N, C-alpha and C. Protein backbone atom coordinates (compact mmCIF):
# COMPACT_ATOMS: atom_id res chain seq x y z
N MET A 1 71.78 119.04 76.56
CA MET A 1 72.14 118.32 77.77
C MET A 1 73.15 119.14 78.56
N THR A 2 73.01 119.15 79.88
CA THR A 2 73.97 119.79 80.76
C THR A 2 74.28 118.83 81.87
N ASN A 3 75.13 119.29 82.79
CA ASN A 3 75.50 118.44 83.91
C ASN A 3 74.54 118.57 85.08
N ASP A 4 73.49 119.38 84.94
CA ASP A 4 72.52 119.53 86.03
C ASP A 4 71.79 118.22 86.25
N ASN A 5 71.38 118.01 87.51
CA ASN A 5 70.65 116.78 87.83
C ASN A 5 69.34 116.69 87.05
N ASP A 6 68.74 117.86 86.69
CA ASP A 6 67.46 117.87 85.97
C ASP A 6 67.61 117.29 84.57
N CYS A 7 68.78 117.37 83.98
CA CYS A 7 68.96 117.00 82.58
C CYS A 7 69.70 115.68 82.40
N ARG A 8 69.65 114.85 83.38
CA ARG A 8 70.29 113.55 83.24
C ARG A 8 69.42 112.67 82.35
N LEU A 9 70.08 111.79 81.62
CA LEU A 9 69.37 110.91 80.69
C LEU A 9 69.32 109.50 81.25
N THR A 10 68.24 108.82 80.94
CA THR A 10 68.09 107.43 81.37
C THR A 10 68.92 106.53 80.46
N ALA A 11 69.09 105.31 80.87
CA ALA A 11 69.84 104.34 80.07
C ALA A 11 69.18 104.15 78.70
N LYS A 12 67.87 104.08 78.66
CA LYS A 12 67.16 103.89 77.40
C LYS A 12 67.42 105.06 76.45
N GLU A 13 67.38 106.30 76.99
CA GLU A 13 67.61 107.48 76.15
C GLU A 13 69.03 107.47 75.57
N VAL A 14 70.01 107.15 76.42
CA VAL A 14 71.40 107.13 75.96
C VAL A 14 71.61 105.99 74.96
N ALA A 15 71.02 104.85 75.21
CA ALA A 15 71.15 103.72 74.28
C ALA A 15 70.58 104.10 72.91
N ASP A 16 69.45 104.81 72.90
CA ASP A 16 68.86 105.25 71.64
C ASP A 16 69.76 106.25 70.93
N ILE A 17 70.35 107.19 71.68
CA ILE A 17 71.23 108.21 71.10
C ILE A 17 72.44 107.54 70.44
N LEU A 18 73.03 106.56 71.13
CA LEU A 18 74.27 105.95 70.65
C LEU A 18 74.05 104.73 69.76
N GLY A 19 72.80 104.28 69.67
CA GLY A 19 72.52 103.10 68.87
C GLY A 19 72.96 101.81 69.56
N PHE A 20 72.92 101.81 70.87
CA PHE A 20 73.31 100.65 71.68
C PHE A 20 72.08 99.88 72.10
N THR A 21 72.31 98.65 72.51
CA THR A 21 71.30 97.95 73.30
C THR A 21 71.56 98.34 74.75
N ILE A 22 70.60 98.13 75.60
CA ILE A 22 70.78 98.42 77.03
C ILE A 22 71.94 97.59 77.59
N THR A 23 72.04 96.35 77.15
CA THR A 23 73.12 95.47 77.62
C THR A 23 74.49 96.03 77.23
N ASN A 24 74.62 96.49 75.97
CA ASN A 24 75.90 97.08 75.54
C ASN A 24 76.21 98.33 76.34
N LEU A 25 75.20 99.15 76.58
CA LEU A 25 75.41 100.37 77.35
C LEU A 25 75.90 100.03 78.75
N LYS A 26 75.30 99.03 79.39
CA LYS A 26 75.74 98.63 80.73
C LYS A 26 77.19 98.17 80.70
N HIS A 27 77.57 97.43 79.65
CA HIS A 27 78.94 96.94 79.54
C HIS A 27 79.92 98.12 79.40
N TYR A 28 79.61 99.05 78.50
CA TYR A 28 80.45 100.22 78.32
C TYR A 28 80.56 101.01 79.63
N ALA A 29 79.41 101.24 80.27
CA ALA A 29 79.40 102.02 81.52
C ALA A 29 80.20 101.33 82.61
N SER A 30 80.10 100.02 82.72
CA SER A 30 80.84 99.31 83.76
C SER A 30 82.35 99.39 83.49
N LEU A 31 82.76 99.37 82.22
CA LEU A 31 84.19 99.53 81.90
C LEU A 31 84.68 100.92 82.30
N LEU A 32 83.86 101.94 82.04
CA LEU A 32 84.23 103.30 82.45
C LEU A 32 84.31 103.40 83.97
N GLU A 33 83.37 102.77 84.66
CA GLU A 33 83.40 102.80 86.13
C GLU A 33 84.62 102.07 86.67
N LEU A 34 85.02 100.99 86.03
CA LEU A 34 86.23 100.27 86.45
C LEU A 34 87.47 101.15 86.31
N ASN A 35 87.41 102.11 85.37
CA ASN A 35 88.52 103.02 85.16
C ASN A 35 88.37 104.33 85.91
N GLY A 36 87.40 104.40 86.82
CA GLY A 36 87.32 105.55 87.72
C GLY A 36 86.17 106.52 87.51
N LEU A 37 85.35 106.34 86.51
CA LEU A 37 84.23 107.26 86.29
C LEU A 37 83.12 106.99 87.31
N LYS A 38 82.60 108.04 87.91
CA LYS A 38 81.47 107.91 88.83
C LYS A 38 80.21 108.33 88.07
N ILE A 39 79.44 107.36 87.64
CA ILE A 39 78.18 107.64 86.94
C ILE A 39 77.09 107.76 88.01
N PHE A 40 76.31 108.82 87.89
CA PHE A 40 75.25 109.10 88.87
C PHE A 40 74.25 107.95 88.89
N ARG A 41 73.80 107.63 90.09
CA ARG A 41 72.75 106.60 90.25
C ARG A 41 71.59 107.23 91.01
N ASN A 42 70.38 106.97 90.53
CA ASN A 42 69.20 107.54 91.17
C ASN A 42 68.83 106.73 92.42
N THR A 43 67.71 107.07 93.02
CA THR A 43 67.31 106.41 94.27
C THR A 43 67.01 104.93 94.08
N ARG A 44 66.73 104.51 92.86
CA ARG A 44 66.49 103.08 92.57
C ARG A 44 67.78 102.39 92.11
N ASN A 45 68.91 103.09 92.24
CA ASN A 45 70.24 102.60 91.88
C ASN A 45 70.41 102.37 90.38
N HIS A 46 69.61 103.08 89.57
CA HIS A 46 69.76 103.02 88.12
C HIS A 46 70.71 104.13 87.69
N ARG A 47 71.55 103.84 86.70
CA ARG A 47 72.47 104.86 86.19
C ARG A 47 71.67 105.93 85.45
N GLU A 48 72.11 107.17 85.65
CA GLU A 48 71.60 108.29 84.87
C GLU A 48 72.82 109.04 84.35
N TYR A 49 72.79 109.42 83.07
CA TYR A 49 73.98 109.88 82.37
C TYR A 49 73.95 111.38 82.12
N SER A 50 75.10 112.01 82.30
CA SER A 50 75.26 113.44 81.99
C SER A 50 75.77 113.57 80.56
N GLU A 51 75.87 114.80 80.09
CA GLU A 51 76.40 115.06 78.75
C GLU A 51 77.84 114.54 78.65
N HIS A 52 78.61 114.75 79.69
CA HIS A 52 80.01 114.28 79.69
C HIS A 52 80.07 112.76 79.62
N ASP A 53 79.19 112.09 80.36
CA ASP A 53 79.15 110.62 80.32
C ASP A 53 78.85 110.13 78.90
N VAL A 54 77.89 110.77 78.24
CA VAL A 54 77.52 110.38 76.87
C VAL A 54 78.70 110.62 75.93
N LYS A 55 79.41 111.73 76.14
CA LYS A 55 80.58 112.03 75.31
C LYS A 55 81.65 110.95 75.48
N LEU A 56 81.87 110.51 76.70
CA LEU A 56 82.85 109.45 76.95
C LEU A 56 82.42 108.14 76.29
N LEU A 57 81.13 107.82 76.41
CA LEU A 57 80.61 106.60 75.79
C LEU A 57 80.74 106.65 74.27
N ARG A 58 80.42 107.81 73.68
CA ARG A 58 80.53 107.97 72.23
C ARG A 58 81.99 107.85 71.79
N THR A 59 82.89 108.39 72.58
CA THR A 59 84.32 108.30 72.25
C THR A 59 84.79 106.85 72.32
N MET A 60 84.34 106.11 73.33
CA MET A 60 84.67 104.68 73.40
C MET A 60 84.15 103.96 72.16
N GLN A 61 82.93 104.30 71.77
CA GLN A 61 82.32 103.68 70.60
C GLN A 61 83.16 103.97 69.34
N THR A 62 83.61 105.20 69.20
CA THR A 62 84.43 105.59 68.05
C THR A 62 85.76 104.83 68.05
N LEU A 63 86.39 104.77 69.22
CA LEU A 63 87.67 104.07 69.30
C LEU A 63 87.52 102.59 68.99
N ASN A 64 86.42 102.01 69.42
CA ASN A 64 86.20 100.58 69.20
C ASN A 64 85.83 100.30 67.74
N ARG A 65 84.91 101.05 67.21
CA ARG A 65 84.41 100.76 65.86
C ARG A 65 85.34 101.27 64.77
N ASP A 66 85.79 102.53 64.91
CA ASP A 66 86.57 103.15 63.83
C ASP A 66 88.06 102.90 63.95
N LYS A 67 88.54 102.74 65.15
CA LYS A 67 89.99 102.59 65.36
C LYS A 67 90.38 101.18 65.78
N SER A 68 89.40 100.27 65.87
CA SER A 68 89.63 98.86 66.21
C SER A 68 90.35 98.67 67.55
N LEU A 69 90.04 99.52 68.50
CA LEU A 69 90.63 99.40 69.83
C LEU A 69 89.72 98.54 70.69
N LEU A 70 90.29 97.65 71.49
CA LEU A 70 89.48 96.84 72.40
C LEU A 70 88.72 97.76 73.35
N LEU A 71 87.52 97.34 73.75
CA LEU A 71 86.71 98.19 74.64
C LEU A 71 87.44 98.50 75.94
N GLU A 72 88.14 97.51 76.52
CA GLU A 72 88.86 97.74 77.77
C GLU A 72 89.92 98.81 77.58
N ASP A 73 90.64 98.76 76.44
CA ASP A 73 91.67 99.75 76.14
C ASP A 73 91.04 101.11 75.85
N ALA A 74 89.90 101.11 75.17
CA ALA A 74 89.21 102.37 74.86
C ALA A 74 88.75 103.05 76.15
N ALA A 75 88.22 102.28 77.09
CA ALA A 75 87.77 102.84 78.37
C ALA A 75 88.96 103.42 79.13
N SER A 76 90.06 102.70 79.13
CA SER A 76 91.26 103.18 79.81
C SER A 76 91.77 104.46 79.16
N LEU A 77 91.75 104.50 77.82
CA LEU A 77 92.24 105.67 77.10
C LEU A 77 91.37 106.89 77.35
N VAL A 78 90.05 106.76 77.28
CA VAL A 78 89.20 107.94 77.47
C VAL A 78 89.25 108.44 78.92
N MET A 79 89.58 107.56 79.86
CA MET A 79 89.66 107.98 81.26
C MET A 79 91.05 108.47 81.65
N ALA A 80 92.04 108.31 80.76
CA ALA A 80 93.40 108.80 81.05
C ALA A 80 93.36 110.32 81.17
N SER A 81 94.09 110.85 82.14
CA SER A 81 94.04 112.28 82.42
C SER A 81 94.59 113.13 81.27
N ASP A 82 95.45 112.56 80.44
CA ASP A 82 96.04 113.35 79.36
C ASP A 82 95.34 113.16 78.02
N THR A 83 94.18 112.52 78.01
CA THR A 83 93.44 112.28 76.77
C THR A 83 92.42 113.39 76.56
N ASP A 84 92.47 113.99 75.36
CA ASP A 84 91.49 115.00 74.97
C ASP A 84 90.44 114.30 74.11
N ILE A 85 89.30 113.98 74.72
CA ILE A 85 88.30 113.18 74.01
C ILE A 85 87.68 113.94 72.84
N ASP A 86 87.73 115.28 72.88
CA ASP A 86 87.16 116.05 71.77
C ASP A 86 87.95 115.82 70.48
N THR A 87 89.27 115.67 70.59
CA THR A 87 90.07 115.47 69.38
C THR A 87 89.89 114.07 68.81
N ILE A 88 89.49 113.11 69.64
CA ILE A 88 89.27 111.76 69.15
C ILE A 88 88.09 111.74 68.19
N GLN A 89 87.09 112.56 68.45
CA GLN A 89 85.90 112.60 67.59
C GLN A 89 86.19 113.28 66.25
N ASP A 90 87.23 114.15 66.19
CA ASP A 90 87.58 114.81 64.93
C ASP A 90 88.13 113.79 63.95
N GLU A 91 87.68 113.87 62.70
CA GLU A 91 88.20 112.96 61.67
C GLU A 91 89.65 113.30 61.35
N GLY A 92 90.05 114.56 61.47
CA GLY A 92 91.41 114.97 61.14
C GLY A 92 92.43 114.63 62.22
N SER A 93 91.98 114.06 63.31
CA SER A 93 92.90 113.81 64.42
C SER A 93 93.42 112.38 64.46
N THR A 94 93.22 111.63 63.41
CA THR A 94 93.63 110.23 63.40
C THR A 94 95.11 110.07 63.67
N GLU A 95 95.92 110.91 63.02
CA GLU A 95 97.37 110.81 63.23
C GLU A 95 97.74 111.12 64.67
N ARG A 96 97.13 112.17 65.23
CA ARG A 96 97.42 112.53 66.64
C ARG A 96 96.99 111.40 67.56
N LEU A 97 95.83 110.83 67.28
CA LEU A 97 95.33 109.74 68.10
C LEU A 97 96.25 108.53 68.01
N LEU A 98 96.67 108.19 66.80
CA LEU A 98 97.58 107.06 66.63
C LEU A 98 98.90 107.31 67.34
N ALA A 99 99.39 108.55 67.26
CA ALA A 99 100.65 108.88 67.95
C ALA A 99 100.45 108.77 69.46
N HIS A 100 99.31 109.24 69.93
CA HIS A 100 99.01 109.15 71.36
C HIS A 100 98.90 107.69 71.80
N ILE A 101 98.21 106.90 71.01
CA ILE A 101 98.07 105.47 71.34
C ILE A 101 99.43 104.79 71.29
N SER A 102 100.25 105.13 70.31
CA SER A 102 101.60 104.55 70.22
C SER A 102 102.42 104.90 71.44
N ALA A 103 102.32 106.16 71.89
CA ALA A 103 103.06 106.57 73.08
C ALA A 103 102.56 105.81 74.31
N LEU A 104 101.25 105.65 74.42
CA LEU A 104 100.70 104.90 75.53
C LEU A 104 101.14 103.44 75.49
N MET A 105 101.18 102.88 74.29
CA MET A 105 101.62 101.49 74.16
C MET A 105 103.10 101.35 74.51
N ALA A 106 103.91 102.33 74.14
CA ALA A 106 105.33 102.30 74.50
C ALA A 106 105.49 102.39 76.02
N ASP A 107 104.71 103.29 76.63
CA ASP A 107 104.74 103.39 78.09
C ASP A 107 104.32 102.07 78.73
N ASN A 108 103.27 101.48 78.17
CA ASN A 108 102.78 100.20 78.67
C ASN A 108 103.87 99.13 78.57
N LYS A 109 104.57 99.11 77.43
CA LYS A 109 105.63 98.12 77.23
C LYS A 109 106.75 98.33 78.24
N SER A 110 107.15 99.58 78.46
CA SER A 110 108.24 99.83 79.42
C SER A 110 107.80 99.48 80.84
N LEU A 111 106.55 99.73 81.18
CA LEU A 111 106.05 99.35 82.50
C LEU A 111 106.02 97.84 82.66
N ARG A 112 105.62 97.13 81.62
CA ARG A 112 105.62 95.66 81.68
C ARG A 112 107.04 95.13 81.86
N GLU A 113 108.01 95.73 81.14
CA GLU A 113 109.40 95.30 81.28
C GLU A 113 109.91 95.56 82.69
N GLU A 114 109.53 96.71 83.24
CA GLU A 114 109.93 97.04 84.61
C GLU A 114 109.31 96.04 85.60
N LEU A 115 108.05 95.72 85.40
CA LEU A 115 107.41 94.73 86.27
C LEU A 115 108.06 93.37 86.14
N HIS A 116 108.42 93.01 84.92
CA HIS A 116 109.11 91.73 84.70
C HIS A 116 110.44 91.71 85.44
N ALA A 117 111.19 92.81 85.36
CA ALA A 117 112.48 92.90 86.06
C ALA A 117 112.27 92.81 87.58
N ARG A 118 111.24 93.47 88.09
CA ARG A 118 110.95 93.41 89.53
C ARG A 118 110.55 92.00 89.94
N ASP A 119 109.75 91.33 89.11
CA ASP A 119 109.35 89.95 89.40
C ASP A 119 110.58 89.05 89.48
N LYS A 120 111.54 89.25 88.56
CA LYS A 120 112.76 88.46 88.57
C LYS A 120 113.55 88.73 89.85
N LEU A 121 113.64 89.99 90.26
CA LEU A 121 114.34 90.32 91.51
C LEU A 121 113.67 89.65 92.70
N VAL A 122 112.36 89.66 92.73
CA VAL A 122 111.62 89.02 93.84
C VAL A 122 111.89 87.52 93.86
N LEU A 123 111.86 86.89 92.69
CA LEU A 123 112.12 85.45 92.62
C LEU A 123 113.55 85.13 93.05
N ASP A 124 114.51 85.96 92.62
CA ASP A 124 115.91 85.76 93.03
C ASP A 124 116.04 85.92 94.54
N PHE A 125 115.39 86.93 95.09
CA PHE A 125 115.44 87.17 96.53
C PHE A 125 114.84 85.98 97.29
N GLN A 126 113.69 85.50 96.83
CA GLN A 126 113.05 84.36 97.48
C GLN A 126 113.94 83.12 97.41
N SER A 127 114.60 82.92 96.29
CA SER A 127 115.51 81.79 96.13
C SER A 127 116.69 81.91 97.10
N ASP A 128 117.26 83.12 97.20
CA ASP A 128 118.38 83.35 98.13
C ASP A 128 117.96 83.08 99.57
N ILE A 129 116.79 83.56 99.94
CA ILE A 129 116.29 83.35 101.31
C ILE A 129 116.08 81.86 101.56
N SER A 130 115.52 81.17 100.58
CA SER A 130 115.28 79.73 100.72
C SER A 130 116.60 78.98 100.90
N ASN A 131 117.62 79.34 100.10
CA ASN A 131 118.93 78.71 100.22
C ASN A 131 119.54 78.97 101.60
N LYS A 132 119.44 80.21 102.06
CA LYS A 132 120.00 80.56 103.38
C LYS A 132 119.27 79.80 104.50
N MET A 133 117.97 79.64 104.35
CA MET A 133 117.21 78.89 105.36
C MET A 133 117.62 77.42 105.37
N GLU A 134 117.87 76.85 104.19
CA GLU A 134 118.34 75.47 104.12
C GLU A 134 119.71 75.33 104.78
N GLN A 135 120.60 76.31 104.52
CA GLN A 135 121.93 76.29 105.14
C GLN A 135 121.80 76.37 106.66
N GLN A 136 120.95 77.27 107.14
CA GLN A 136 120.74 77.42 108.58
C GLN A 136 120.17 76.12 109.18
N ALA A 137 119.26 75.48 108.48
CA ALA A 137 118.68 74.23 108.97
C ALA A 137 119.77 73.15 109.08
N LYS A 138 120.68 73.09 108.11
CA LYS A 138 121.79 72.13 108.17
C LYS A 138 122.70 72.42 109.36
N ILE A 139 123.02 73.70 109.56
CA ILE A 139 123.89 74.08 110.68
C ILE A 139 123.23 73.71 112.00
N ILE A 140 121.95 73.99 112.12
CA ILE A 140 121.22 73.66 113.36
C ILE A 140 121.23 72.15 113.58
N ALA A 141 121.02 71.38 112.51
CA ALA A 141 121.03 69.91 112.64
C ALA A 141 122.42 69.42 113.07
N GLU A 142 123.49 69.99 112.48
CA GLU A 142 124.85 69.62 112.86
C GLU A 142 125.12 69.97 114.32
N GLN A 143 124.71 71.16 114.73
CA GLN A 143 124.93 71.58 116.12
C GLN A 143 124.12 70.72 117.08
N SER A 144 122.91 70.35 116.70
CA SER A 144 122.09 69.49 117.55
C SER A 144 122.76 68.13 117.71
N ALA A 145 123.32 67.59 116.63
CA ALA A 145 124.02 66.30 116.70
C ALA A 145 125.25 66.41 117.59
N LEU A 146 125.99 67.52 117.46
CA LEU A 146 127.18 67.74 118.29
C LEU A 146 126.80 67.86 119.76
N ILE A 147 125.74 68.58 120.05
CA ILE A 147 125.27 68.73 121.44
C ILE A 147 124.87 67.37 121.99
N GLU A 148 124.21 66.56 121.20
CA GLU A 148 123.80 65.23 121.64
C GLU A 148 125.03 64.35 121.92
N THR A 149 126.05 64.45 121.07
CA THR A 149 127.30 63.69 121.28
C THR A 149 127.97 64.12 122.58
N ILE A 150 128.06 65.44 122.79
CA ILE A 150 128.69 65.96 124.03
C ILE A 150 127.87 65.53 125.25
N ARG A 151 126.57 65.59 125.17
CA ARG A 151 125.72 65.17 126.28
C ARG A 151 125.94 63.69 126.61
N ALA A 152 126.04 62.86 125.56
CA ALA A 152 126.28 61.42 125.78
C ALA A 152 127.65 61.20 126.43
N GLU A 153 128.66 61.95 125.98
CA GLU A 153 129.99 61.82 126.58
C GLU A 153 129.97 62.25 128.05
N LEU A 154 129.30 63.34 128.35
CA LEU A 154 129.20 63.80 129.74
C LEU A 154 128.46 62.79 130.60
N GLU A 155 127.44 62.20 130.05
CA GLU A 155 126.69 61.17 130.79
C GLU A 155 127.61 59.98 131.08
N GLY A 156 128.42 59.60 130.11
CA GLY A 156 129.37 58.51 130.31
C GLY A 156 130.39 58.84 131.38
N ILE A 157 130.91 60.06 131.36
CA ILE A 157 131.88 60.50 132.37
C ILE A 157 131.24 60.50 133.75
N ARG A 158 130.00 60.97 133.84
CA ARG A 158 129.29 61.02 135.11
C ARG A 158 129.11 59.60 135.68
N LYS A 159 128.76 58.63 134.83
CA LYS A 159 128.57 57.26 135.28
C LYS A 159 129.89 56.66 135.80
N VAL A 160 130.97 56.93 135.06
CA VAL A 160 132.28 56.42 135.49
C VAL A 160 132.66 57.04 136.83
N ALA A 161 132.38 58.34 136.96
CA ALA A 161 132.73 59.03 138.20
C ALA A 161 131.92 58.50 139.36
N GLU A 162 130.69 58.13 139.15
CA GLU A 162 129.86 57.61 140.23
C GLU A 162 130.29 56.20 140.63
N GLU A 163 130.77 55.40 139.68
CA GLU A 163 131.16 54.02 139.96
C GLU A 163 132.55 53.95 140.60
N LYS A 164 133.44 54.81 140.24
CA LYS A 164 134.81 54.77 140.74
C LYS A 164 134.91 55.61 142.01
N PRO A 165 135.43 55.00 143.06
CA PRO A 165 135.57 55.79 144.29
C PRO A 165 136.68 56.82 144.12
N SER A 166 136.52 57.92 144.79
CA SER A 166 137.50 58.98 144.68
C SER A 166 138.75 58.62 145.48
N VAL A 167 139.85 59.29 145.17
CA VAL A 167 141.12 59.06 145.87
C VAL A 167 140.97 59.40 147.35
N TRP A 168 140.25 60.42 147.65
CA TRP A 168 140.09 60.88 149.04
C TRP A 168 139.27 59.87 149.84
N SER A 169 138.24 59.36 149.17
CA SER A 169 137.42 58.39 149.94
C SER A 169 138.22 57.12 150.20
N GLY A 170 139.12 56.76 149.28
CA GLY A 170 139.95 55.59 149.51
C GLY A 170 140.96 55.79 150.63
N LEU A 171 141.48 56.98 150.78
CA LEU A 171 142.45 57.28 151.83
C LEU A 171 141.82 57.33 153.21
N PHE A 172 140.67 57.90 153.28
CA PHE A 172 140.07 58.13 154.59
C PHE A 172 139.16 56.99 155.06
N SER A 173 138.84 56.07 154.18
CA SER A 173 137.96 54.99 154.62
C SER A 173 138.75 53.84 155.26
N ARG A 174 140.03 53.83 155.23
CA ARG A 174 140.80 52.73 155.79
C ARG A 174 140.96 52.85 157.22
C-alpha cells in the first residue's frame, strides 16, 4: 500500500484487514475525522483509505483493545502531533506509551483546572456586574423619586404664584 490514489483501499478491504465490521470501521474513521484527519472520499462520497489511514486505525485498535483506552481518547492520542504511532505498535514500548499517556493526562488535568479557575472568574465577574447593575437601578429609582418630589414642589410654587397677586400689580392697580 502507498499513498497514491491508485492504491487506496475500500472500506470493505480495510475492515477485512483489521477484522472490523463496516460499522466499526465507520465509527473509528469518524472519530479520527473529528480529531482532524482528512480521509479521502471518492466521487460517490465513500471513504477510501491510504496506508497511513490504516496505520492510524490499527493503532487506535491496539490502544483500545490492548491498552484499554477509550476510542475517543485513542483517536485523540493518535492524532496528537507529538505521538509516534510506530512505537505504539511495538510490544516493548508499553512503558513509553504509559509515560506518554500519563503526561497527556497530567496536561489534561492542568488544563481542566485552568478552565475551572477561568469559569470561577467569569462567574465572579458576572456576579459583580449584576450587583453593580442592581445598585445603579436603586440609585436611578431614588433620583427619579427625588426629581418627582422637586417637580411637585415646583408645581405647588407655580400655583401659589399664579393665585397670589404680585406686589407690583397691587401698587399699580389702585
